[in-house]
Amino acid sequence: MNLSAKETQQLQDNLTKIDERFKQISKLLPFSRVVSVDELNSLLEPLYQSLLSTGIIDEQGRIKKEDVFTSFPEIHYLGYEGKDLMDSLYSIEYDPEINSGILTWNGYVTSQEFRFINTKFLDFAREHKLTKMLRDTRNFVILSPADRTWFIEYMIPQFQDAGIRYSAIVIPNNRISRMMVEELTNHAEPYNINVQCFQTPKEARGWLATVDK
């Protein structure tokens, strides 16, 4: 295939932009080494599928409406109220069989949504006087360094103050997200919160049923 000088320059410019974007994304990841293309794809694919399923982007990855990134309470999109969109990102429930609160993540969330959902779960734990919680992060996608610091320095002490002593984590399916979640668990020990990681909700529930009787 023969390209004109203009087409060749355009291709080089596009490749430069892609390379710069790749470097920007790589900086968000908690690795000291270079992230491979396969690893980056495994990270971005769940995000793409999550946005595609909500109708925010089309199959070519193009954003359909600019206002989807405004504050959720103020938007209406594809017949959904802002609250419906927010509610689709997570679920919070109480399981009386294991006397535990359960927070389930359903895909990619923004920094604002991540903090809102965690704070809401904290309020739920206080309301029910919980000592145990189950966090199902199988569909969790990514967490920025700033949000990891916020969770470590603010949320973990708050959960301790609320009375949480046992935390079961169902780890993410995505390997990069899994490493992020497992990193966070190491910071709970100084706060006397016993954190255990599991592959399935059944395993997590089984462990929680045996503690704090």
N, C-alpha and C. Protein backbone atom coordinates (compact mmCIF):
# COMPACT_ATOMS: atom_id res chain seq x y z
N MET A 1 0.86 -1.19 0.00
CA MET A 1 0.00 0.00 0.00
C MET A 1 0.89 1.24 0.00
N ASN A 2 0.69 2.10 -1.00
CA ASN A 2 1.47 3.32 -1.11
C ASN A 2 0.74 4.48 -0.46
N LEU A 3 1.43 5.17 0.41
CA LEU A 3 0.84 6.31 1.10
C LEU A 3 1.50 7.59 0.63
N SER A 4 0.70 8.62 0.54
CA SER A 4 1.25 9.93 0.20
C SER A 4 2.02 10.47 1.40
N ALA A 5 2.79 11.50 1.16
CA ALA A 5 3.56 12.12 2.25
C ALA A 5 2.63 12.62 3.34
N LYS A 6 1.49 13.18 2.94
CA LYS A 6 0.53 13.70 3.91
C LYS A 6 -0.08 12.57 4.73
N GLU A 7 -0.40 11.45 4.05
CA GLU A 7 -0.98 10.30 4.76
C GLU A 7 0.03 9.67 5.70
N THR A 8 1.28 9.61 5.27
CA THR A 8 2.34 9.05 6.12
C THR A 8 2.53 9.90 7.37
N GLN A 9 2.52 11.22 7.18
CA GLN A 9 2.67 12.12 8.33
C GLN A 9 1.50 11.98 9.29
N GLN A 10 0.27 11.84 8.73
CA GLN A 10 -0.91 11.68 9.57
C GLN A 10 -0.83 10.40 10.38
N LEU A 11 -0.36 9.31 9.74
CA LEU A 11 -0.21 8.04 10.43
C LEU A 11 0.80 8.16 11.56
N GLN A 12 1.91 8.83 11.30
CA GLN A 12 2.92 9.01 12.34
C GLN A 12 2.37 9.84 13.49
N ASP A 13 1.60 10.87 13.16
CA ASP A 13 1.00 11.71 14.22
C ASP A 13 0.05 10.89 15.07
N ASN A 14 -0.75 10.05 14.44
CA ASN A 14 -1.70 9.21 15.18
C ASN A 14 -0.97 8.24 16.09
N LEU A 15 0.10 7.64 15.59
CA LEU A 15 0.87 6.70 16.40
C LEU A 15 1.51 7.41 17.59
N THR A 16 1.96 8.64 17.37
CA THR A 16 2.54 9.43 18.47
C THR A 16 1.50 9.70 19.54
N LYS A 17 0.27 10.06 19.12
CA LYS A 17 -0.80 10.32 20.07
C LYS A 17 -1.14 9.06 20.87
N ILE A 18 -1.19 7.92 20.18
CA ILE A 18 -1.49 6.65 20.86
C ILE A 18 -0.41 6.32 21.87
N ASP A 19 0.84 6.54 21.49
CA ASP A 19 1.95 6.25 22.39
C ASP A 19 1.90 7.15 23.62
N GLU A 20 1.57 8.42 23.43
CA GLU A 20 1.48 9.34 24.56
C GLU A 20 0.34 8.94 25.49
N ARG A 21 -0.81 8.54 24.90
CA ARG A 21 -1.94 8.11 25.72
C ARG A 21 -1.58 6.85 26.49
N PHE A 22 -0.87 5.94 25.85
CA PHE A 22 -0.44 4.71 26.52
C PHE A 22 0.42 5.03 27.73
N LYS A 23 1.33 5.99 27.59
CA LYS A 23 2.20 6.37 28.70
C LYS A 23 1.40 6.99 29.83
N GLN A 24 0.39 7.81 29.48
CA GLN A 24 -0.44 8.44 30.52
C GLN A 24 -1.19 7.39 31.32
N ILE A 25 -1.77 6.42 30.62
CA ILE A 25 -2.52 5.36 31.31
C ILE A 25 -1.58 4.52 32.17
N SER A 26 -0.39 4.23 31.64
CA SER A 26 0.56 3.40 32.38
C SER A 26 0.95 4.02 33.70
N LYS A 27 0.98 5.36 33.76
CA LYS A 27 1.35 6.04 35.00
C LYS A 27 0.32 5.81 36.10
N LEU A 28 -0.92 5.48 35.72
CA LEU A 28 -1.96 5.25 36.71
C LEU A 28 -1.84 3.88 37.36
N LEU A 29 -1.07 3.00 36.75
CA LEU A 29 -1.01 1.62 37.21
C LEU A 29 0.11 1.44 38.22
N PRO A 30 -0.10 0.61 39.25
CA PRO A 30 0.86 0.47 40.35
C PRO A 30 2.01 -0.48 40.02
N PHE A 31 2.72 -0.20 38.94
CA PHE A 31 3.84 -1.06 38.57
C PHE A 31 5.07 -0.21 38.35
N SER A 32 6.22 -0.79 38.66
CA SER A 32 7.47 -0.09 38.38
C SER A 32 8.00 -0.48 37.01
N ARG A 33 7.42 -1.50 36.41
CA ARG A 33 7.86 -1.94 35.10
C ARG A 33 6.88 -1.43 34.03
N VAL A 34 7.23 -1.62 32.76
CA VAL A 34 6.37 -1.22 31.65
C VAL A 34 5.22 -2.21 31.53
N VAL A 35 4.01 -1.71 31.31
CA VAL A 35 2.84 -2.55 31.15
C VAL A 35 2.73 -2.98 29.70
N SER A 36 2.51 -4.28 29.49
CA SER A 36 2.41 -4.79 28.13
C SER A 36 1.08 -4.41 27.51
N VAL A 37 1.02 -4.53 26.18
CA VAL A 37 -0.22 -4.22 25.46
C VAL A 37 -1.34 -5.17 25.91
N ASP A 38 -1.01 -6.45 26.10
CA ASP A 38 -2.03 -7.42 26.53
C ASP A 38 -2.60 -7.06 27.89
N GLU A 39 -1.73 -6.62 28.80
CA GLU A 39 -2.20 -6.23 30.13
C GLU A 39 -3.08 -4.99 30.06
N LEU A 40 -2.70 -4.05 29.21
CA LEU A 40 -3.49 -2.84 29.06
C LEU A 40 -4.85 -3.17 28.46
N ASN A 41 -4.87 -4.05 27.49
CA ASN A 41 -6.15 -4.47 26.89
C ASN A 41 -7.04 -5.14 27.92
N SER A 42 -6.47 -5.98 28.77
CA SER A 42 -7.27 -6.67 29.78
C SER A 42 -7.83 -5.69 30.80
N LEU A 43 -7.15 -4.56 30.98
CA LEU A 43 -7.63 -3.52 31.89
C LEU A 43 -8.76 -2.71 31.25
N LEU A 44 -8.59 -2.35 29.98
CA LEU A 44 -9.54 -1.44 29.34
C LEU A 44 -10.78 -2.14 28.81
N GLU A 45 -10.69 -3.43 28.50
CA GLU A 45 -11.83 -4.13 27.93
C GLU A 45 -13.07 -4.09 28.84
N PRO A 46 -12.94 -4.38 30.17
CA PRO A 46 -14.13 -4.28 31.04
C PRO A 46 -14.70 -2.87 31.08
N LEU A 47 -13.84 -1.86 31.03
CA LEU A 47 -14.30 -0.47 31.02
C LEU A 47 -15.10 -0.21 29.75
N TYR A 48 -14.59 -0.66 28.61
CA TYR A 48 -15.29 -0.49 27.33
C TYR A 48 -16.65 -1.18 27.37
N GLN A 49 -16.68 -2.41 27.86
CA GLN A 49 -17.93 -3.16 27.91
C GLN A 49 -18.94 -2.50 28.84
N SER A 50 -18.44 -1.95 29.96
CA SER A 50 -19.32 -1.27 30.91
C SER A 50 -19.95 -0.03 30.28
N LEU A 51 -19.14 0.78 29.59
CA LEU A 51 -19.66 1.98 28.94
C LEU A 51 -20.59 1.62 27.79
N LEU A 52 -20.25 0.55 27.07
CA LEU A 52 -21.08 0.12 25.95
C LEU A 52 -22.45 -0.34 26.44
N SER A 53 -22.48 -1.07 27.55
CA SER A 53 -23.74 -1.61 28.06
C SER A 53 -24.68 -0.51 28.55
N THR A 54 -24.13 0.62 28.98
CA THR A 54 -24.97 1.73 29.45
C THR A 54 -25.45 2.62 28.30
N GLY A 55 -24.87 2.41 27.11
CA GLY A 55 -25.24 3.25 25.98
C GLY A 55 -24.47 4.55 25.91
N ILE A 56 -23.46 4.71 26.80
CA ILE A 56 -22.68 5.95 26.80
C ILE A 56 -21.82 6.06 25.54
N ILE A 57 -21.32 4.93 25.04
CA ILE A 57 -20.54 4.92 23.81
C ILE A 57 -21.16 3.96 22.82
N ASP A 58 -20.78 4.10 21.55
CA ASP A 58 -21.26 3.15 20.55
C ASP A 58 -20.20 2.08 20.34
N GLU A 59 -20.42 1.17 19.39
CA GLU A 59 -19.52 0.04 19.21
C GLU A 59 -18.15 0.45 18.68
N GLN A 60 -18.06 1.66 18.15
CA GLN A 60 -16.76 2.17 17.70
C GLN A 60 -16.02 2.91 18.82
N GLY A 61 -16.64 2.93 20.01
CA GLY A 61 -15.99 3.58 21.14
C GLY A 61 -16.18 5.07 21.20
N ARG A 62 -17.10 5.59 20.38
CA ARG A 62 -17.34 7.04 20.37
C ARG A 62 -18.40 7.42 21.39
N ILE A 63 -18.17 8.52 22.08
CA ILE A 63 -19.12 9.00 23.08
C ILE A 63 -20.38 9.50 22.38
N LYS A 64 -21.54 9.08 22.87
CA LYS A 64 -22.79 9.47 22.22
C LYS A 64 -23.31 10.82 22.68
N LYS A 65 -23.15 11.10 23.98
CA LYS A 65 -23.67 12.36 24.50
C LYS A 65 -22.68 12.95 25.50
N GLU A 66 -22.43 14.23 25.34
CA GLU A 66 -21.49 14.88 26.25
C GLU A 66 -22.02 14.94 27.67
N ASP A 67 -23.33 15.09 27.83
CA ASP A 67 -23.85 15.35 29.17
C ASP A 67 -23.85 14.13 30.07
N VAL A 68 -23.39 12.96 29.57
CA VAL A 68 -23.34 11.81 30.46
C VAL A 68 -22.29 12.00 31.54
N PHE A 69 -21.39 12.94 31.36
CA PHE A 69 -20.35 13.16 32.35
C PHE A 69 -20.65 14.34 33.27
N THR A 70 -21.86 14.89 33.19
CA THR A 70 -22.26 15.88 34.17
C THR A 70 -22.75 15.15 35.40
N SER A 71 -23.12 15.91 36.43
CA SER A 71 -23.52 15.26 37.68
C SER A 71 -24.75 14.39 37.47
N PHE A 72 -24.74 13.19 38.02
CA PHE A 72 -25.79 12.20 37.79
C PHE A 72 -27.19 12.71 38.12
N PRO A 73 -27.43 13.42 39.23
CA PRO A 73 -28.80 13.82 39.55
C PRO A 73 -29.42 14.73 38.50
N GLU A 74 -28.60 15.36 37.64
CA GLU A 74 -29.12 16.35 36.71
C GLU A 74 -29.38 15.81 35.31
N ILE A 75 -29.05 14.53 35.06
CA ILE A 75 -29.15 14.05 33.68
C ILE A 75 -30.25 13.02 33.52
N HIS A 76 -30.74 12.94 32.30
CA HIS A 76 -31.63 11.87 31.88
C HIS A 76 -31.02 11.29 30.61
N TYR A 77 -30.83 10.00 30.58
CA TYR A 77 -30.15 9.40 29.44
C TYR A 77 -30.81 8.08 29.07
N LEU A 78 -31.26 7.98 27.82
CA LEU A 78 -31.89 6.75 27.33
C LEU A 78 -33.02 6.28 28.24
N GLY A 79 -33.76 7.23 28.79
CA GLY A 79 -34.90 6.86 29.63
C GLY A 79 -34.55 6.57 31.06
N TYR A 80 -33.28 6.68 31.44
CA TYR A 80 -32.86 6.39 32.81
C TYR A 80 -32.68 7.68 33.59
N GLU A 81 -33.19 7.70 34.80
CA GLU A 81 -32.89 8.81 35.69
C GLU A 81 -31.44 8.67 36.16
N GLY A 82 -30.87 9.80 36.62
CA GLY A 82 -29.52 9.75 37.14
C GLY A 82 -29.37 8.73 38.25
N LYS A 83 -30.38 8.63 39.13
CA LYS A 83 -30.32 7.69 40.24
C LYS A 83 -30.27 6.26 39.74
N ASP A 84 -31.00 5.95 38.65
CA ASP A 84 -30.98 4.60 38.10
C ASP A 84 -29.58 4.24 37.61
N LEU A 85 -28.91 5.21 36.97
CA LEU A 85 -27.56 4.96 36.49
C LEU A 85 -26.62 4.69 37.67
N MET A 86 -26.74 5.50 38.71
CA MET A 86 -25.89 5.30 39.88
C MET A 86 -26.17 3.96 40.54
N ASP A 87 -27.45 3.63 40.69
CA ASP A 87 -27.81 2.37 41.34
C ASP A 87 -27.31 1.15 40.56
N SER A 88 -27.14 1.30 39.25
CA SER A 88 -26.67 0.17 38.45
C SER A 88 -25.20 -0.14 38.68
N LEU A 89 -24.49 0.80 39.30
CA LEU A 89 -23.05 0.63 39.51
C LEU A 89 -22.72 -0.26 40.70
N TYR A 90 -23.68 -0.44 41.62
CA TYR A 90 -23.37 -1.16 42.84
C TYR A 90 -24.67 -1.64 43.49
N SER A 91 -24.52 -2.50 44.50
CA SER A 91 -25.65 -2.87 45.35
C SER A 91 -25.16 -3.06 46.77
N ILE A 92 -26.01 -2.68 47.73
CA ILE A 92 -25.71 -2.84 49.15
C ILE A 92 -26.85 -3.60 49.78
N GLU A 93 -26.53 -4.66 50.53
CA GLU A 93 -27.57 -5.45 51.17
C GLU A 93 -27.06 -6.04 52.48
N TYR A 94 -28.00 -6.51 53.29
CA TYR A 94 -27.66 -7.16 54.55
C TYR A 94 -28.04 -8.63 54.47
N ASP A 95 -27.10 -9.50 54.84
CA ASP A 95 -27.35 -10.94 54.83
C ASP A 95 -27.47 -11.41 56.28
N PRO A 96 -28.69 -11.72 56.74
CA PRO A 96 -28.89 -12.11 58.14
C PRO A 96 -28.26 -13.46 58.48
N GLU A 97 -28.07 -14.32 57.48
CA GLU A 97 -27.50 -15.64 57.75
C GLU A 97 -26.06 -15.55 58.26
N ILE A 98 -25.33 -14.57 57.74
CA ILE A 98 -23.94 -14.41 58.18
C ILE A 98 -23.75 -13.10 58.94
N ASN A 99 -24.86 -12.37 59.18
CA ASN A 99 -24.82 -11.11 59.91
C ASN A 99 -23.78 -10.16 59.32
N SER A 100 -23.88 -9.95 58.01
CA SER A 100 -22.86 -9.16 57.32
C SER A 100 -23.50 -8.24 56.28
N GLY A 101 -22.88 -7.09 56.09
CA GLY A 101 -23.25 -6.23 54.98
C GLY A 101 -22.50 -6.68 53.75
N ILE A 102 -23.12 -6.52 52.59
CA ILE A 102 -22.51 -6.94 51.33
C ILE A 102 -22.54 -5.78 50.34
N LEU A 103 -21.36 -5.41 49.85
CA LEU A 103 -21.24 -4.39 48.82
C LEU A 103 -20.75 -5.06 47.54
N THR A 104 -21.54 -4.95 46.48
CA THR A 104 -21.19 -5.56 45.20
C THR A 104 -20.96 -4.46 44.17
N TRP A 105 -19.77 -4.50 43.54
CA TRP A 105 -19.43 -3.53 42.49
C TRP A 105 -19.82 -4.12 41.14
N ASN A 106 -20.42 -3.29 40.26
CA ASN A 106 -20.91 -3.79 38.98
C ASN A 106 -20.19 -3.23 37.77
N GLY A 107 -18.99 -2.71 37.95
CA GLY A 107 -18.25 -2.21 36.80
C GLY A 107 -17.47 -0.95 37.12
N TYR A 108 -17.11 -0.23 36.07
CA TYR A 108 -16.29 0.97 36.20
C TYR A 108 -17.05 2.08 36.93
N VAL A 109 -16.36 2.74 37.84
CA VAL A 109 -16.92 3.91 38.52
C VAL A 109 -15.89 5.03 38.50
N THR A 110 -16.39 6.26 38.51
CA THR A 110 -15.50 7.41 38.59
C THR A 110 -15.00 7.56 40.02
N SER A 111 -14.05 8.46 40.21
CA SER A 111 -13.53 8.72 41.55
C SER A 111 -14.64 9.20 42.47
N GLN A 112 -15.48 10.11 41.98
CA GLN A 112 -16.58 10.64 42.79
C GLN A 112 -17.54 9.53 43.19
N GLU A 113 -17.85 8.64 42.24
CA GLU A 113 -18.77 7.54 42.51
C GLU A 113 -18.16 6.54 43.49
N PHE A 114 -16.86 6.27 43.34
CA PHE A 114 -16.17 5.35 44.24
C PHE A 114 -16.26 5.83 45.68
N ARG A 115 -16.04 7.10 45.89
CA ARG A 115 -16.07 7.66 47.25
C ARG A 115 -17.50 7.73 47.79
N PHE A 116 -18.44 8.08 46.93
CA PHE A 116 -19.84 8.13 47.35
C PHE A 116 -20.33 6.76 47.80
N ILE A 117 -20.04 5.73 47.00
CA ILE A 117 -20.52 4.37 47.30
C ILE A 117 -19.90 3.85 48.58
N ASN A 118 -18.60 4.06 48.76
CA ASN A 118 -17.95 3.60 49.99
C ASN A 118 -18.50 4.32 51.22
N THR A 119 -18.74 5.60 51.10
CA THR A 119 -19.31 6.35 52.22
C THR A 119 -20.71 5.87 52.55
N LYS A 120 -21.48 5.55 51.52
CA LYS A 120 -22.83 5.03 51.73
C LYS A 120 -22.78 3.67 52.43
N PHE A 121 -21.82 2.83 52.04
CA PHE A 121 -21.68 1.52 52.69
C PHE A 121 -21.24 1.69 54.14
N LEU A 122 -20.41 2.67 54.42
CA LEU A 122 -20.01 2.97 55.79
C LEU A 122 -21.22 3.35 56.63
N ASP A 123 -22.08 4.20 56.09
CA ASP A 123 -23.31 4.58 56.80
C ASP A 123 -24.19 3.36 57.05
N PHE A 124 -24.24 2.46 56.07
CA PHE A 124 -25.02 1.23 56.20
C PHE A 124 -24.45 0.36 57.33
N ALA A 125 -23.13 0.26 57.41
CA ALA A 125 -22.49 -0.52 58.46
C ALA A 125 -22.78 0.06 59.84
N ARG A 126 -22.77 1.36 59.95
CA ARG A 126 -23.08 2.00 61.23
C ARG A 126 -24.54 1.79 61.62
N GLU A 127 -25.41 1.94 60.64
CA GLU A 127 -26.84 1.79 60.90
C GLU A 127 -27.18 0.39 61.42
N HIS A 128 -26.54 -0.62 60.85
CA HIS A 128 -26.82 -2.01 61.23
C HIS A 128 -25.86 -2.55 62.30
N LYS A 129 -24.96 -1.68 62.77
CA LYS A 129 -23.99 -2.07 63.81
C LYS A 129 -23.23 -3.33 63.39
N LEU A 130 -22.69 -3.31 62.20
CA LEU A 130 -22.04 -4.49 61.64
C LEU A 130 -20.62 -4.66 62.19
N THR A 131 -20.23 -5.90 62.33
CA THR A 131 -18.83 -6.23 62.63
C THR A 131 -18.17 -6.93 61.45
N LYS A 132 -18.99 -7.29 60.43
CA LYS A 132 -18.48 -8.02 59.27
C LYS A 132 -18.98 -7.37 57.98
N MET A 133 -18.13 -7.44 56.95
CA MET A 133 -18.58 -6.97 55.64
C MET A 133 -17.99 -7.85 54.55
N LEU A 134 -18.73 -7.95 53.47
CA LEU A 134 -18.28 -8.69 52.28
C LEU A 134 -18.27 -7.71 51.12
N ARG A 135 -17.12 -7.59 50.47
CA ARG A 135 -16.97 -6.68 49.33
C ARG A 135 -16.72 -7.52 48.08
N ASP A 136 -17.71 -7.58 47.22
CA ASP A 136 -17.60 -8.36 45.99
C ASP A 136 -17.05 -7.46 44.89
N THR A 137 -15.76 -7.60 44.59
CA THR A 137 -15.09 -6.72 43.62
C THR A 137 -14.78 -7.44 42.31
N ARG A 138 -15.49 -8.53 42.01
CA ARG A 138 -15.20 -9.30 40.79
C ARG A 138 -15.26 -8.43 39.54
N ASN A 139 -16.19 -7.47 39.50
CA ASN A 139 -16.36 -6.64 38.32
C ASN A 139 -15.75 -5.24 38.48
N PHE A 140 -14.93 -5.09 39.51
CA PHE A 140 -14.28 -3.80 39.71
C PHE A 140 -13.21 -3.63 38.65
N VAL A 141 -13.01 -2.38 38.16
CA VAL A 141 -12.14 -2.17 37.02
C VAL A 141 -10.81 -1.53 37.38
N ILE A 142 -10.83 -0.32 37.91
CA ILE A 142 -9.57 0.39 38.14
C ILE A 142 -9.74 1.38 39.28
N LEU A 143 -8.63 1.71 39.92
CA LEU A 143 -8.65 2.65 41.04
C LEU A 143 -7.42 3.53 40.92
N SER A 144 -7.62 4.84 40.95
CA SER A 144 -6.50 5.76 40.80
C SER A 144 -5.65 5.77 42.07
N PRO A 145 -4.39 6.18 41.97
CA PRO A 145 -3.55 6.29 43.17
C PRO A 145 -4.17 7.19 44.23
N ALA A 146 -4.81 8.29 43.82
CA ALA A 146 -5.43 9.21 44.78
C ALA A 146 -6.57 8.52 45.53
N ASP A 147 -7.36 7.71 44.83
CA ASP A 147 -8.47 7.01 45.48
C ASP A 147 -7.97 5.89 46.38
N ARG A 148 -6.87 5.25 46.01
CA ARG A 148 -6.29 4.22 46.89
C ARG A 148 -5.82 4.86 48.19
N THR A 149 -5.15 6.02 48.07
CA THR A 149 -4.69 6.73 49.28
C THR A 149 -5.88 7.15 50.14
N TRP A 150 -6.92 7.66 49.50
CA TRP A 150 -8.13 8.08 50.24
C TRP A 150 -8.74 6.90 50.98
N PHE A 151 -8.83 5.75 50.33
CA PHE A 151 -9.43 4.59 50.97
C PHE A 151 -8.59 4.12 52.16
N ILE A 152 -7.26 4.12 52.00
CA ILE A 152 -6.37 3.67 53.06
C ILE A 152 -6.39 4.62 54.26
N GLU A 153 -6.29 5.91 53.98
CA GLU A 153 -6.14 6.89 55.05
C GLU A 153 -7.47 7.31 55.68
N TYR A 154 -8.56 7.21 54.93
CA TYR A 154 -9.85 7.67 55.46
C TYR A 154 -10.83 6.53 55.72
N MET A 155 -11.07 5.68 54.72
CA MET A 155 -12.13 4.68 54.84
C MET A 155 -11.78 3.56 55.83
N ILE A 156 -10.57 3.04 55.77
CA ILE A 156 -10.23 1.92 56.66
C ILE A 156 -10.35 2.33 58.13
N PRO A 157 -9.81 3.48 58.55
CA PRO A 157 -10.03 3.90 59.95
C PRO A 157 -11.50 4.11 60.27
N GLN A 158 -12.27 4.61 59.31
CA GLN A 158 -13.69 4.83 59.54
C GLN A 158 -14.43 3.50 59.73
N PHE A 159 -14.08 2.50 58.95
CA PHE A 159 -14.69 1.18 59.12
C PHE A 159 -14.34 0.59 60.48
N GLN A 160 -13.10 0.80 60.93
CA GLN A 160 -12.71 0.33 62.26
C GLN A 160 -13.55 1.02 63.33
N ASP A 161 -13.69 2.34 63.23
CA ASP A 161 -14.48 3.09 64.20
C ASP A 161 -15.94 2.66 64.19
N ALA A 162 -16.42 2.23 63.03
CA ALA A 162 -17.82 1.79 62.92
C ALA A 162 -18.05 0.43 63.54
N GLY A 163 -16.95 -0.31 63.82
CA GLY A 163 -17.08 -1.62 64.46
C GLY A 163 -16.75 -2.80 63.59
N ILE A 164 -16.30 -2.56 62.36
CA ILE A 164 -15.95 -3.67 61.46
C ILE A 164 -14.68 -4.36 61.96
N ARG A 165 -14.75 -5.67 62.10
CA ARG A 165 -13.61 -6.46 62.55
C ARG A 165 -13.21 -7.53 61.53
N TYR A 166 -14.13 -7.88 60.61
CA TYR A 166 -13.86 -8.92 59.62
C TYR A 166 -14.31 -8.44 58.25
N SER A 167 -13.45 -8.62 57.26
CA SER A 167 -13.78 -8.19 55.90
C SER A 167 -13.39 -9.28 54.91
N ALA A 168 -14.37 -9.77 54.17
CA ALA A 168 -14.13 -10.77 53.14
C ALA A 168 -14.16 -10.08 51.78
N ILE A 169 -13.13 -10.30 50.98
CA ILE A 169 -13.03 -9.68 49.67
C ILE A 169 -13.12 -10.76 48.59
N VAL A 170 -14.09 -10.63 47.69
CA VAL A 170 -14.11 -11.48 46.49
C VAL A 170 -13.31 -10.72 45.44
N ILE A 171 -12.16 -11.26 45.07
CA ILE A 171 -11.19 -10.51 44.28
C ILE A 171 -11.64 -10.32 42.83
N PRO A 172 -11.15 -9.26 42.17
CA PRO A 172 -11.56 -8.96 40.79
C PRO A 172 -11.15 -10.05 39.81
N ASN A 173 -11.91 -10.15 38.73
CA ASN A 173 -11.56 -11.08 37.66
C ASN A 173 -10.36 -10.57 36.88
N ASN A 174 -10.23 -9.25 36.75
CA ASN A 174 -9.14 -8.65 36.02
C ASN A 174 -7.86 -8.67 36.86
N ARG A 175 -6.75 -9.13 36.27
CA ARG A 175 -5.52 -9.31 37.04
C ARG A 175 -4.97 -8.01 37.59
N ILE A 176 -5.00 -6.94 36.80
CA ILE A 176 -4.46 -5.66 37.27
C ILE A 176 -5.32 -5.11 38.39
N SER A 177 -6.63 -5.17 38.23
CA SER A 177 -7.52 -4.70 39.31
C SER A 177 -7.34 -5.56 40.55
N ARG A 178 -7.12 -6.86 40.36
CA ARG A 178 -6.93 -7.77 41.49
C ARG A 178 -5.70 -7.36 42.31
N MET A 179 -4.63 -6.99 41.63
CA MET A 179 -3.41 -6.57 42.34
C MET A 179 -3.67 -5.30 43.14
N MET A 180 -4.48 -4.39 42.59
CA MET A 180 -4.81 -3.16 43.32
C MET A 180 -5.58 -3.46 44.59
N VAL A 181 -6.60 -4.33 44.46
CA VAL A 181 -7.44 -4.68 45.62
C VAL A 181 -6.61 -5.40 46.68
N GLU A 182 -5.78 -6.34 46.25
CA GLU A 182 -4.96 -7.09 47.21
C GLU A 182 -3.97 -6.17 47.92
N GLU A 183 -3.50 -5.15 47.21
CA GLU A 183 -2.60 -4.17 47.83
C GLU A 183 -3.31 -3.46 48.98
N LEU A 184 -4.57 -3.10 48.79
CA LEU A 184 -5.32 -2.38 49.82
C LEU A 184 -5.52 -3.21 51.08
N THR A 185 -5.66 -4.53 50.91
CA THR A 185 -5.92 -5.38 52.07
C THR A 185 -4.77 -5.36 53.07
N ASN A 186 -3.57 -5.11 52.58
CA ASN A 186 -2.40 -5.11 53.47
C ASN A 186 -2.43 -3.96 54.47
N HIS A 187 -3.22 -2.94 54.19
CA HIS A 187 -3.24 -1.75 55.04
C HIS A 187 -4.28 -1.84 56.16
N ALA A 188 -5.06 -2.92 56.20
CA ALA A 188 -6.11 -3.05 57.22
C ALA A 188 -5.58 -3.65 58.52
N GLU A 189 -4.45 -4.34 58.46
CA GLU A 189 -3.93 -5.04 59.65
C GLU A 189 -3.69 -4.13 60.84
N PRO A 190 -3.09 -2.94 60.66
CA PRO A 190 -2.87 -2.06 61.82
C PRO A 190 -4.17 -1.62 62.50
N TYR A 191 -5.29 -1.77 61.82
CA TYR A 191 -6.57 -1.34 62.38
C TYR A 191 -7.38 -2.52 62.93
N ASN A 192 -6.70 -3.65 63.11
CA ASN A 192 -7.33 -4.84 63.70
C ASN A 192 -8.56 -5.30 62.92
N ILE A 193 -8.50 -5.15 61.60
CA ILE A 193 -9.54 -5.70 60.74
C ILE A 193 -8.96 -6.92 60.03
N ASN A 194 -9.57 -8.06 60.29
CA ASN A 194 -9.11 -9.31 59.68
C ASN A 194 -9.67 -9.39 58.26
N VAL A 195 -8.79 -9.26 57.27
CA VAL A 195 -9.21 -9.26 55.87
C VAL A 195 -8.75 -10.55 55.20
N GLN A 196 -9.68 -11.23 54.52
CA GLN A 196 -9.35 -12.43 53.78
C GLN A 196 -9.89 -12.30 52.36
N CYS A 197 -9.12 -12.80 51.39
CA CYS A 197 -9.51 -12.74 49.98
C CYS A 197 -9.97 -14.10 49.49
N PHE A 198 -10.99 -14.07 48.62
CA PHE A 198 -11.58 -15.31 48.12
C PHE A 198 -11.87 -15.19 46.62
N GLN A 199 -12.02 -16.35 45.98
CA GLN A 199 -12.32 -16.38 44.56
C GLN A 199 -13.81 -16.24 44.27
N THR A 200 -14.66 -16.67 45.19
CA THR A 200 -16.11 -16.68 44.96
C THR A 200 -16.86 -16.13 46.17
N PRO A 201 -18.08 -15.61 45.95
CA PRO A 201 -18.91 -15.16 47.07
C PRO A 201 -19.23 -16.30 48.04
N LYS A 202 -19.39 -17.52 47.53
CA LYS A 202 -19.69 -18.66 48.39
C LYS A 202 -18.58 -18.90 49.40
N GLU A 203 -17.33 -18.82 48.94
CA GLU A 203 -16.19 -18.99 49.84
C GLU A 203 -16.14 -17.86 50.87
N ALA A 204 -16.40 -16.64 50.42
CA ALA A 204 -16.37 -15.48 51.32
C ALA A 204 -17.45 -15.60 52.40
N ARG A 205 -18.64 -15.98 51.98
CA ARG A 205 -19.74 -16.13 52.93
C ARG A 205 -19.45 -17.27 53.91
N GLY A 206 -18.84 -18.33 53.41
CA GLY A 206 -18.51 -19.46 54.28
C GLY A 206 -17.56 -19.07 55.39
N TRP A 207 -16.57 -18.23 55.06
CA TRP A 207 -15.63 -17.78 56.09
C TRP A 207 -16.31 -16.85 57.08
N LEU A 208 -17.10 -15.89 56.58
CA LEU A 208 -17.77 -14.95 57.47
C LEU A 208 -18.73 -15.66 58.43
N ALA A 209 -19.28 -16.78 58.00
CA ALA A 209 -20.22 -17.52 58.85
C ALA A 209 -19.52 -18.15 60.05
N THR A 210 -18.18 -18.28 59.97
CA THR A 210 -17.45 -18.95 61.05
C THR A 210 -16.85 -17.99 62.07
N VAL A 211 -16.89 -16.69 61.78
CA VAL A 211 -16.22 -15.72 62.66
C VAL A 211 -17.25 -14.88 63.41
N ASP A 212 -16.81 -14.37 64.55
CA ASP A 212 -17.61 -13.41 65.36
C ASP A 212 -18.99 -13.96 65.68
N LYS A 213 -19.02 -15.20 66.18
CA LYS A 213 -20.32 -15.79 66.57
C LYS A 213 -20.68 -15.39 67.99
